[in-house]
Amino acid sequence: MSKSIFYHAGCPVCVSAEHDLINLIGNDNVQIVHIGEETSKIAEAENAGVKSVPALVTPNGNVLHINFGASIEDVKG
């Protein structure tokens, strides 16, 4: 993985964190995945170790859970 991946569900906490991350590390360095809209990516996020969103998965595989918007179980519905 060459970019960080930012998973979120579209809530205000997630959108705010998305904007902050893009401002901090640049749009070219992060892939944004809205798992509320791209539900097929939920399993990918879980396999990476994401337990709640918003979360950033770094290029070396570390998962940084940012604030707390929703658990991955809540997003699954």
N, C-alpha and C. Protein backbone atom coordinates (compact mmCIF):
# COMPACT_ATOMS: atom_id res chain seq x y z
N MET A 1 0.86 -1.18 0.00
CA MET A 1 0.00 0.00 0.00
C MET A 1 0.90 1.23 0.00
N SER A 2 0.68 2.14 -0.93
CA SER A 2 1.51 3.32 -1.02
C SER A 2 0.85 4.56 -0.42
N LYS A 3 -0.44 4.53 -0.27
CA LYS A 3 -1.20 5.64 0.30
C LYS A 3 -1.85 5.20 1.60
N SER A 4 -2.16 6.18 2.42
CA SER A 4 -3.02 5.92 3.57
C SER A 4 -4.44 5.77 3.05
N ILE A 5 -5.26 5.04 3.77
CA ILE A 5 -6.68 4.91 3.42
C ILE A 5 -7.50 5.42 4.60
N PHE A 6 -8.37 6.37 4.32
CA PHE A 6 -9.23 6.95 5.35
C PHE A 6 -10.64 6.41 5.15
N TYR A 7 -11.11 5.63 6.13
CA TYR A 7 -12.46 5.07 6.09
C TYR A 7 -13.38 5.92 6.95
N HIS A 8 -14.55 6.23 6.41
CA HIS A 8 -15.53 6.98 7.20
C HIS A 8 -16.93 6.64 6.73
N ALA A 9 -17.91 7.11 7.49
CA ALA A 9 -19.31 6.78 7.21
C ALA A 9 -20.16 8.00 6.87
N GLY A 10 -19.54 9.15 6.72
CA GLY A 10 -20.26 10.34 6.29
C GLY A 10 -20.85 11.21 7.37
N CYS A 11 -20.67 10.84 8.63
CA CYS A 11 -21.20 11.67 9.72
C CYS A 11 -20.38 12.96 9.83
N PRO A 12 -20.89 13.96 10.53
CA PRO A 12 -20.16 15.22 10.66
C PRO A 12 -18.74 15.06 11.24
N VAL A 13 -18.57 14.17 12.22
CA VAL A 13 -17.24 13.92 12.78
C VAL A 13 -16.31 13.39 11.69
N CYS A 14 -16.82 12.47 10.89
CA CYS A 14 -16.01 11.85 9.82
C CYS A 14 -15.64 12.87 8.74
N VAL A 15 -16.59 13.67 8.32
CA VAL A 15 -16.34 14.65 7.27
C VAL A 15 -15.34 15.70 7.73
N SER A 16 -15.46 16.13 8.97
CA SER A 16 -14.50 17.09 9.53
C SER A 16 -13.09 16.50 9.56
N ALA A 17 -12.99 15.23 10.01
CA ALA A 17 -11.69 14.56 10.05
C ALA A 17 -11.12 14.38 8.65
N GLU A 18 -11.98 14.08 7.68
CA GLU A 18 -11.53 13.94 6.29
C GLU A 18 -10.89 15.24 5.80
N HIS A 19 -11.56 16.34 6.03
CA HIS A 19 -11.03 17.64 5.59
C HIS A 19 -9.70 17.95 6.27
N ASP A 20 -9.62 17.68 7.56
CA ASP A 20 -8.37 17.93 8.30
C ASP A 20 -7.24 17.06 7.76
N LEU A 21 -7.52 15.80 7.51
CA LEU A 21 -6.48 14.89 6.99
C LEU A 21 -5.99 15.33 5.63
N ILE A 22 -6.90 15.70 4.76
CA ILE A 22 -6.49 16.16 3.42
C ILE A 22 -5.63 17.40 3.55
N ASN A 23 -5.99 18.31 4.45
CA ASN A 23 -5.18 19.51 4.65
C ASN A 23 -3.80 19.18 5.23
N LEU A 24 -3.73 18.16 6.09
CA LEU A 24 -2.47 17.79 6.73
C LEU A 24 -1.54 16.99 5.82
N ILE A 25 -2.07 15.98 5.14
CA ILE A 25 -1.18 15.09 4.39
C ILE A 25 -1.35 15.17 2.88
N GLY A 26 -2.33 15.89 2.42
CA GLY A 26 -2.52 16.09 0.99
C GLY A 26 -3.41 15.04 0.35
N ASN A 27 -4.21 15.50 -0.58
CA ASN A 27 -5.17 14.64 -1.27
C ASN A 27 -4.50 13.50 -2.03
N ASP A 28 -3.28 13.72 -2.52
CA ASP A 28 -2.57 12.69 -3.28
C ASP A 28 -2.03 11.57 -2.40
N ASN A 29 -2.02 11.79 -1.09
CA ASN A 29 -1.43 10.82 -0.16
C ASN A 29 -2.45 9.99 0.59
N VAL A 30 -3.72 10.21 0.32
CA VAL A 30 -4.76 9.48 1.05
C VAL A 30 -5.91 9.11 0.11
N GLN A 31 -6.36 7.88 0.24
CA GLN A 31 -7.54 7.42 -0.47
C GLN A 31 -8.72 7.53 0.50
N ILE A 32 -9.78 8.18 0.07
CA ILE A 32 -10.96 8.35 0.91
C ILE A 32 -11.98 7.27 0.55
N VAL A 33 -12.44 6.54 1.58
CA VAL A 33 -13.45 5.50 1.36
C VAL A 33 -14.63 5.77 2.29
N HIS A 34 -15.75 6.12 1.71
CA HIS A 34 -17.00 6.36 2.45
C HIS A 34 -17.74 5.03 2.50
N ILE A 35 -17.55 4.28 3.60
CA ILE A 35 -18.13 2.94 3.67
C ILE A 35 -19.65 2.94 3.85
N GLY A 36 -20.22 4.12 4.14
CA GLY A 36 -21.67 4.22 4.16
C GLY A 36 -22.23 4.13 2.75
N GLU A 37 -21.45 4.59 1.77
CA GLU A 37 -21.86 4.53 0.37
C GLU A 37 -21.24 3.34 -0.36
N GLU A 38 -20.03 2.96 0.04
CA GLU A 38 -19.33 1.84 -0.58
C GLU A 38 -19.30 0.66 0.40
N THR A 39 -20.47 0.08 0.64
CA THR A 39 -20.58 -0.97 1.65
C THR A 39 -19.73 -2.20 1.33
N SER A 40 -19.37 -2.37 0.06
CA SER A 40 -18.50 -3.49 -0.31
C SER A 40 -17.11 -3.34 0.29
N LYS A 41 -16.76 -2.16 0.77
CA LYS A 41 -15.44 -1.90 1.36
C LYS A 41 -15.40 -2.16 2.87
N ILE A 42 -16.54 -2.50 3.48
CA ILE A 42 -16.58 -2.74 4.92
C ILE A 42 -15.67 -3.91 5.29
N ALA A 43 -15.75 -4.99 4.55
CA ALA A 43 -14.90 -6.16 4.84
C ALA A 43 -13.43 -5.80 4.71
N GLU A 44 -13.09 -5.01 3.71
CA GLU A 44 -11.71 -4.55 3.53
C GLU A 44 -11.24 -3.77 4.76
N ALA A 45 -12.10 -2.89 5.24
CA ALA A 45 -11.76 -2.09 6.42
C ALA A 45 -11.57 -2.99 7.64
N GLU A 46 -12.48 -3.93 7.83
CA GLU A 46 -12.38 -4.86 8.96
C GLU A 46 -11.09 -5.68 8.88
N ASN A 47 -10.76 -6.16 7.69
CA ASN A 47 -9.54 -6.95 7.51
C ASN A 47 -8.28 -6.14 7.80
N ALA A 48 -8.37 -4.83 7.60
CA ALA A 48 -7.23 -3.96 7.90
C ALA A 48 -7.13 -3.66 9.39
N GLY A 49 -8.20 -3.99 10.16
CA GLY A 49 -8.19 -3.75 11.60
C GLY A 49 -9.03 -2.59 12.07
N VAL A 50 -9.83 -2.03 11.17
CA VAL A 50 -10.69 -0.90 11.54
C VAL A 50 -11.83 -1.40 12.42
N LYS A 51 -11.98 -0.78 13.58
CA LYS A 51 -13.03 -1.15 14.54
C LYS A 51 -14.13 -0.09 14.62
N SER A 52 -13.77 1.15 14.26
CA SER A 52 -14.73 2.26 14.26
C SER A 52 -14.27 3.27 13.23
N VAL A 53 -15.19 4.10 12.82
CA VAL A 53 -14.86 5.17 11.88
C VAL A 53 -15.14 6.51 12.53
N PRO A 54 -14.38 7.50 12.18
CA PRO A 54 -13.34 7.56 11.16
C PRO A 54 -12.06 6.87 11.61
N ALA A 55 -11.37 6.29 10.63
CA ALA A 55 -10.10 5.63 10.90
C ALA A 55 -9.17 5.78 9.70
N LEU A 56 -7.90 5.90 9.98
CA LEU A 56 -6.88 6.02 8.94
C LEU A 56 -5.98 4.80 9.02
N VAL A 57 -5.83 4.10 7.90
CA VAL A 57 -4.90 2.98 7.81
C VAL A 57 -3.67 3.51 7.08
N THR A 58 -2.53 3.45 7.77
CA THR A 58 -1.29 4.00 7.20
C THR A 58 -0.69 3.02 6.20
N PRO A 59 0.24 3.51 5.37
CA PRO A 59 0.85 2.62 4.36
C PRO A 59 1.52 1.37 4.95
N ASN A 60 1.98 1.44 6.19
CA ASN A 60 2.60 0.26 6.78
C ASN A 60 1.61 -0.58 7.59
N GLY A 61 0.30 -0.27 7.50
CA GLY A 61 -0.73 -1.11 8.09
C GLY A 61 -1.21 -0.74 9.47
N ASN A 62 -0.68 0.33 10.05
CA ASN A 62 -1.20 0.77 11.35
C ASN A 62 -2.58 1.40 11.17
N VAL A 63 -3.45 1.13 12.13
CA VAL A 63 -4.80 1.71 12.10
C VAL A 63 -4.89 2.79 13.17
N LEU A 64 -5.20 3.99 12.73
CA LEU A 64 -5.35 5.12 13.64
C LEU A 64 -6.84 5.45 13.72
N HIS A 65 -7.45 5.11 14.85
CA HIS A 65 -8.86 5.42 15.06
C HIS A 65 -8.94 6.87 15.52
N ILE A 66 -9.68 7.68 14.77
CA ILE A 66 -9.73 9.12 15.00
C ILE A 66 -11.09 9.47 15.60
N ASN A 67 -11.05 10.03 16.82
CA ASN A 67 -12.30 10.40 17.48
C ASN A 67 -13.20 9.17 17.50
N PHE A 68 -14.49 9.35 17.48
CA PHE A 68 -15.41 8.22 17.38
C PHE A 68 -16.68 8.69 16.72
N GLY A 69 -16.96 8.15 15.55
CA GLY A 69 -18.19 8.48 14.84
C GLY A 69 -19.19 7.35 14.95
N ALA A 70 -18.72 6.12 14.63
CA ALA A 70 -19.59 4.95 14.68
C ALA A 70 -18.73 3.70 14.69
N SER A 71 -19.22 2.66 15.35
CA SER A 71 -18.51 1.38 15.30
C SER A 71 -18.74 0.77 13.92
N ILE A 72 -17.87 -0.10 13.52
CA ILE A 72 -18.03 -0.78 12.23
C ILE A 72 -19.29 -1.61 12.23
N GLU A 73 -19.69 -2.13 13.37
CA GLU A 73 -20.93 -2.91 13.47
C GLU A 73 -22.15 -2.03 13.20
N ASP A 74 -22.11 -0.77 13.69
CA ASP A 74 -23.21 0.16 13.41
C ASP A 74 -23.33 0.48 11.94
N VAL A 75 -22.19 0.59 11.28
CA VAL A 75 -22.18 0.91 9.86
C VAL A 75 -22.75 -0.24 9.05
N LYS A 76 -22.47 -1.47 9.49
CA LYS A 76 -23.00 -2.65 8.79
C LYS A 76 -24.52 -2.70 8.84
N GLY A 77 -25.08 -2.11 9.91
CA GLY A 77 -26.53 -2.06 10.04
C GLY A 77 -27.06 -3.29 10.56
